[in-house]
Amino acid sequence: MSHEIRSPLSGVVSMAEVLSTTKLDREQRELLNVMLSSGDMVLQIINDILDLSK
């Protein structure tokens, strides 16, 4: 179950990190930062839930 949740989300976060290396305007950069921080928070929550279920 954990890989089924984590792997797709990790892919999205990784692609957002790749996008962060490109030239973006200020608004795009702000939106990307929200996307990255939100993705990281969701990954952390998933990891915490999986740790608690052990």
PDB file of N, CA and C in Angstrom:
ATOM      1  N   MET A   1       0.821  -1.204   0.000  1.00  0.00           N
ATOM      2  CA  MET A   1       0.000   0.000   0.000  1.00  0.00           C
ATOM      3  C   MET A   1       0.859   1.259   0.000  1.00  0.00           C
ATOM      4  N   SER A   2       1.936   1.255   0.769  1.00  0.00           N
ATOM      5  CA  SER A   2       2.741   2.472   0.891  1.00  0.00           C
ATOM      6  C   SER A   2       3.334   2.905  -0.445  1.00  0.00           C
ATOM      7  N   HIS A   3       3.836   1.943  -1.242  1.00  0.00           N
ATOM      8  CA  HIS A   3       4.417   2.303  -2.535  1.00  0.00           C
ATOM      9  C   HIS A   3       3.357   2.842  -3.486  1.00  0.00           C
ATOM     10  N   GLU A   4       2.135   2.338  -3.354  1.00  0.00           N
ATOM     11  CA  GLU A   4       1.060   2.777  -4.233  1.00  0.00           C
ATOM     12  C   GLU A   4       0.702   4.237  -3.990  1.00  0.00           C
ATOM     13  N   ILE A   5       0.953   4.728  -2.799  1.00  0.00           N
ATOM     14  CA  ILE A   5       0.666   6.123  -2.468  1.00  0.00           C
ATOM     15  C   ILE A   5       1.904   6.988  -2.663  1.00  0.00           C
ATOM     16  N   ARG A   6       3.020   6.526  -2.112  1.00  0.00           N
ATOM     17  CA  ARG A   6       4.235   7.336  -2.116  1.00  0.00           C
ATOM     18  C   ARG A   6       4.850   7.518  -3.494  1.00  0.00           C
ATOM     19  N   SER A   7       4.900   6.473  -4.284  1.00  0.00           N
ATOM     20  CA  SER A   7       5.598   6.549  -5.581  1.00  0.00           C
ATOM     21  C   SER A   7       5.014   7.605  -6.520  1.00  0.00           C
ATOM     22  N   PRO A   8       3.698   7.637  -6.740  1.00  0.00           N
ATOM     23  CA  PRO A   8       3.161   8.685  -7.619  1.00  0.00           C
ATOM     24  C   PRO A   8       3.389  10.092  -7.061  1.00  0.00           C
ATOM     25  N   LEU A   9       3.226  10.251  -5.760  1.00  0.00           N
ATOM     26  CA  LEU A   9       3.429  11.567  -5.162  1.00  0.00           C
ATOM     27  C   LEU A   9       4.893  11.978  -5.246  1.00  0.00           C
ATOM     28  N   SER A  10       5.791  11.044  -5.034  1.00  0.00           N
ATOM     29  CA  SER A  10       7.222  11.335  -5.168  1.00  0.00           C
ATOM     30  C   SER A  10       7.550  11.754  -6.597  1.00  0.00           C
ATOM     31  N   GLY A  11       6.897  11.126  -7.563  1.00  0.00           N
ATOM     32  CA  GLY A  11       7.092  11.506  -8.958  1.00  0.00           C
ATOM     33  C   GLY A  11       6.650  12.932  -9.231  1.00  0.00           C
ATOM     34  N   VAL A  12       5.522  13.316  -8.678  1.00  0.00           N
ATOM     35  CA  VAL A  12       5.019  14.683  -8.858  1.00  0.00           C
ATOM     36  C   VAL A  12       5.973  15.686  -8.213  1.00  0.00           C
ATOM     37  N   VAL A  13       6.415  15.399  -6.988  1.00  0.00           N
ATOM     38  CA  VAL A  13       7.337  16.301  -6.289  1.00  0.00           C
ATOM     39  C   VAL A  13       8.661  16.389  -7.051  1.00  0.00           C
ATOM     40  N   SER A  14       9.143  15.269  -7.547  1.00  0.00           N
ATOM     41  CA  SER A  14      10.404  15.266  -8.303  1.00  0.00           C
ATOM     42  C   SER A  14      10.289  16.093  -9.581  1.00  0.00           C
ATOM     43  N   MET A  15       9.181  15.974 -10.279  1.00  0.00           N
ATOM     44  CA  MET A  15       8.998  16.773 -11.491  1.00  0.00           C
ATOM     45  C   MET A  15       8.874  18.259 -11.164  1.00  0.00           C
ATOM     46  N   ALA A  16       8.271  18.580 -10.031  1.00  0.00           N
ATOM     47  CA  ALA A  16       8.199  19.978  -9.601  1.00  0.00           C
ATOM     48  C   ALA A  16       9.597  20.503  -9.295  1.00  0.00           C
ATOM     49  N   GLU A  17      10.446  19.658  -8.716  1.00  0.00           N
ATOM     50  CA  GLU A  17      11.828  20.064  -8.447  1.00  0.00           C
ATOM     51  C   GLU A  17      12.585  20.314  -9.747  1.00  0.00           C
ATOM     52  N   VAL A  18      12.341  19.484 -10.757  1.00  0.00           N
ATOM     53  CA  VAL A  18      12.953  19.710 -12.070  1.00  0.00           C
ATOM     54  C   VAL A  18      12.455  21.035 -12.640  1.00  0.00           C
ATOM     55  N   LEU A  19      11.172  21.287 -12.525  1.00  0.00           N
ATOM     56  CA  LEU A  19      10.589  22.535 -13.009  1.00  0.00           C
ATOM     57  C   LEU A  19      11.213  23.741 -12.317  1.00  0.00           C
ATOM     58  N   SER A  20      11.609  23.581 -11.060  1.00  0.00           N
ATOM     59  CA  SER A  20      12.192  24.703 -10.315  1.00  0.00           C
ATOM     60  C   SER A  20      13.543  25.138 -10.876  1.00  0.00           C
ATOM     61  N   THR A  21      14.158  24.312 -11.709  1.00  0.00           N
ATOM     62  CA  THR A  21      15.446  24.675 -12.309  1.00  0.00           C
ATOM     63  C   THR A  21      15.277  25.466 -13.603  1.00  0.00           C
ATOM     64  N   THR A  22      14.037  25.677 -14.025  1.00  0.00           N
ATOM     65  CA  THR A  22      13.779  26.412 -15.259  1.00  0.00           C
ATOM     66  C   THR A  22      13.502  27.876 -14.952  1.00  0.00           C
ATOM     67  N   LYS A  23      13.477  28.675 -16.006  1.00  0.00           N
ATOM     68  CA  LYS A  23      13.202  30.097 -15.845  1.00  0.00           C
ATOM     69  C   LYS A  23      11.696  30.303 -15.663  1.00  0.00           C
ATOM     70  N   LEU A  24      11.327  30.860 -14.521  1.00  0.00           N
ATOM     71  CA  LEU A  24       9.922  31.120 -14.207  1.00  0.00           C
ATOM     72  C   LEU A  24       9.766  32.566 -13.780  1.00  0.00           C
ATOM     73  N   ASP A  25       8.595  33.128 -14.040  1.00  0.00           N
ATOM     74  CA  ASP A  25       8.359  34.476 -13.528  1.00  0.00           C
ATOM     75  C   ASP A  25       8.006  34.389 -12.040  1.00  0.00           C
ATOM     76  N   ARG A  26       7.834  35.521 -11.415  1.00  0.00           N
ATOM     77  CA  ARG A  26       7.635  35.578  -9.967  1.00  0.00           C
ATOM     78  C   ARG A  26       6.407  34.794  -9.516  1.00  0.00           C
ATOM     79  N   GLU A  27       5.293  34.988 -10.210  1.00  0.00           N
ATOM     80  CA  GLU A  27       4.058  34.293  -9.837  1.00  0.00           C
ATOM     81  C   GLU A  27       4.197  32.777 -10.022  1.00  0.00           C
ATOM     82  N   GLN A  28       4.798  32.376 -11.123  1.00  0.00           N
ATOM     83  CA  GLN A  28       5.008  30.946 -11.356  1.00  0.00           C
ATOM     84  C   GLN A  28       5.898  30.339 -10.276  1.00  0.00           C
ATOM     85  N   ARG A  29       6.948  31.066  -9.884  1.00  0.00           N
ATOM     86  CA  ARG A  29       7.865  30.584  -8.843  1.00  0.00           C
ATOM     87  C   ARG A  29       7.126  30.437  -7.512  1.00  0.00           C
ATOM     88  N   GLU A  30       6.268  31.407  -7.176  1.00  0.00           N
ATOM     89  CA  GLU A  30       5.497  31.328  -5.931  1.00  0.00           C
ATOM     90  C   GLU A  30       4.555  30.120  -5.943  1.00  0.00           C
ATOM     91  N   LEU A  31       3.883  29.912  -7.059  1.00  0.00           N
ATOM     92  CA  LEU A  31       2.974  28.769  -7.171  1.00  0.00           C
ATOM     93  C   LEU A  31       3.735  27.446  -7.096  1.00  0.00           C
ATOM     94  N   LEU A  32       4.896  27.402  -7.714  1.00  0.00           N
ATOM     95  CA  LEU A  32       5.717  26.195  -7.655  1.00  0.00           C
ATOM     96  C   LEU A  32       6.178  25.923  -6.225  1.00  0.00           C
ATOM     97  N   ASN A  33       6.536  26.971  -5.498  1.00  0.00           N
ATOM     98  CA  ASN A  33       6.942  26.790  -4.097  1.00  0.00           C
ATOM     99  C   ASN A  33       5.801  26.238  -3.252  1.00  0.00           C
ATOM    100  N   VAL A  34       4.586  26.694  -3.514  1.00  0.00           N
ATOM    101  CA  VAL A  34       3.417  26.151  -2.811  1.00  0.00           C
ATOM    102  C   VAL A  34       3.249  24.673  -3.159  1.00  0.00           C
ATOM    103  N   MET A  35       3.403  24.352  -4.425  1.00  0.00           N
ATOM    104  CA  MET A  35       3.286  22.965  -4.874  1.00  0.00           C
ATOM    105  C   MET A  35       4.331  22.082  -4.200  1.00  0.00           C
ATOM    106  N   LEU A  36       5.568  22.544  -4.143  1.00  0.00           N
ATOM    107  CA  LEU A  36       6.638  21.762  -3.520  1.00  0.00           C
ATOM    108  C   LEU A  36       6.411  21.577  -2.024  1.00  0.00           C
ATOM    109  N   SER A  37       6.060  22.647  -1.342  1.00  0.00           N
ATOM    110  CA  SER A  37       5.868  22.518   0.107  1.00  0.00           C
ATOM    111  C   SER A  37       4.639  21.664   0.426  1.00  0.00           C
ATOM    112  N   SER A  38       3.592  21.786  -0.364  1.00  0.00           N
ATOM    113  CA  SER A  38       2.401  20.958  -0.151  1.00  0.00           C
ATOM    114  C   SER A  38       2.710  19.485  -0.395  1.00  0.00           C
ATOM    115  N   GLY A  39       3.428  19.203  -1.452  1.00  0.00           N
ATOM    116  CA  GLY A  39       3.811  17.824  -1.741  1.00  0.00           C
ATOM    117  C   GLY A  39       4.670  17.230  -0.642  1.00  0.00           C
ATOM    118  N   ASP A  40       5.621  18.022  -0.148  1.00  0.00           N
ATOM    119  CA  ASP A  40       6.476  17.546   0.945  1.00  0.00           C
ATOM    120  C   ASP A  40       5.665  17.274   2.206  1.00  0.00           C
ATOM    121  N   MET A  41       4.694  18.149   2.493  1.00  0.00           N
ATOM    122  CA  MET A  41       3.861  17.944   3.683  1.00  0.00           C
ATOM    123  C   MET A  41       3.020  16.675   3.562  1.00  0.00           C
ATOM    124  N   VAL A  42       2.448  16.451   2.389  1.00  0.00           N
ATOM    125  CA  VAL A  42       1.638  15.244   2.191  1.00  0.00           C
ATOM    126  C   VAL A  42       2.511  13.994   2.311  1.00  0.00           C
ATOM    127  N   LEU A  43       3.708  14.026   1.742  1.00  0.00           N
ATOM    128  CA  LEU A  43       4.618  12.886   1.878  1.00  0.00           C
ATOM    129  C   LEU A  43       4.957  12.623   3.338  1.00  0.00           C
ATOM    130  N   GLN A  44       5.190  13.683   4.095  1.00  0.00           N
ATOM    131  CA  GLN A  44       5.506  13.517   5.517  1.00  0.00           C
ATOM    132  C   GLN A  44       4.320  12.920   6.277  1.00  0.00           C
ATOM    133  N   ILE A  45       3.123  13.388   5.970  1.00  0.00           N
ATOM    134  CA  ILE A  45       1.922  12.845   6.620  1.00  0.00           C
ATOM    135  C   ILE A  45       1.766  11.363   6.287  1.00  0.00           C
ATOM    136  N   ILE A  46       1.955  11.010   5.023  1.00  0.00           N
ATOM    137  CA  ILE A  46       1.859   9.598   4.625  1.00  0.00           C
ATOM    138  C   ILE A  46       2.892   8.769   5.373  1.00  0.00           C
ATOM    139  N   ASN A  47       4.124   9.259   5.436  1.00  0.00           N
ATOM    140  CA  ASN A  47       5.173   8.532   6.157  1.00  0.00           C
ATOM    141  C   ASN A  47       4.822   8.365   7.628  1.00  0.00           C
ATOM    142  N   ASP A  48       4.294   9.417   8.246  1.00  0.00           N
ATOM    143  CA  ASP A  48       3.911   9.341   9.659  1.00  0.00           C
ATOM    144  C   ASP A  48       2.793   8.318   9.874  1.00  0.00           C
ATOM    145  N   ILE A  49       1.800   8.334   9.006  1.00  0.00           N
ATOM    146  CA  ILE A  49       0.691   7.376   9.120  1.00  0.00           C
ATOM    147  C   ILE A  49       1.203   5.949   8.962  1.00  0.00           C
ATOM    148  N   LEU A  50       2.070   5.741   7.990  1.00  0.00           N
ATOM    149  CA  LEU A  50       2.616   4.399   7.774  1.00  0.00           C
ATOM    150  C   LEU A  50       3.473   3.952   8.951  1.00  0.00           C
ATOM    151  N   ASP A  51       4.213   4.879   9.550  1.00  0.00           N
ATOM    152  CA  ASP A  51       5.011   4.542  10.738  1.00  0.00           C
ATOM    153  C   ASP A  51       4.114   4.155  11.907  1.00  0.00           C
ATOM    154  N   LEU A  52       3.015   4.880  12.085  1.00  0.00           N
ATOM    155  CA  LEU A  52       2.094   4.584  13.185  1.00  0.00           C
ATOM    156  C   LEU A  52       1.395   3.238  12.999  1.00  0.00           C
ATOM    157  N   SER A  53       1.205   2.848  11.753  1.00  0.00           N
ATOM    158  CA  SER A  53       0.487   1.601  11.495  1.00  0.00           C
ATOM    159  C   SER A  53       1.360   0.357  11.681  1.00  0.00           C
ATOM    160  N   LYS A  54       2.647   0.551  11.900  1.00  0.00           N
ATOM    161  CA  LYS A  54       3.556  -0.599  12.091  1.00  0.00           C
ATOM    162  C   LYS A  54       3.395  -1.214  13.450  1.00  0.00           C
TER     163      LYS A  54
END
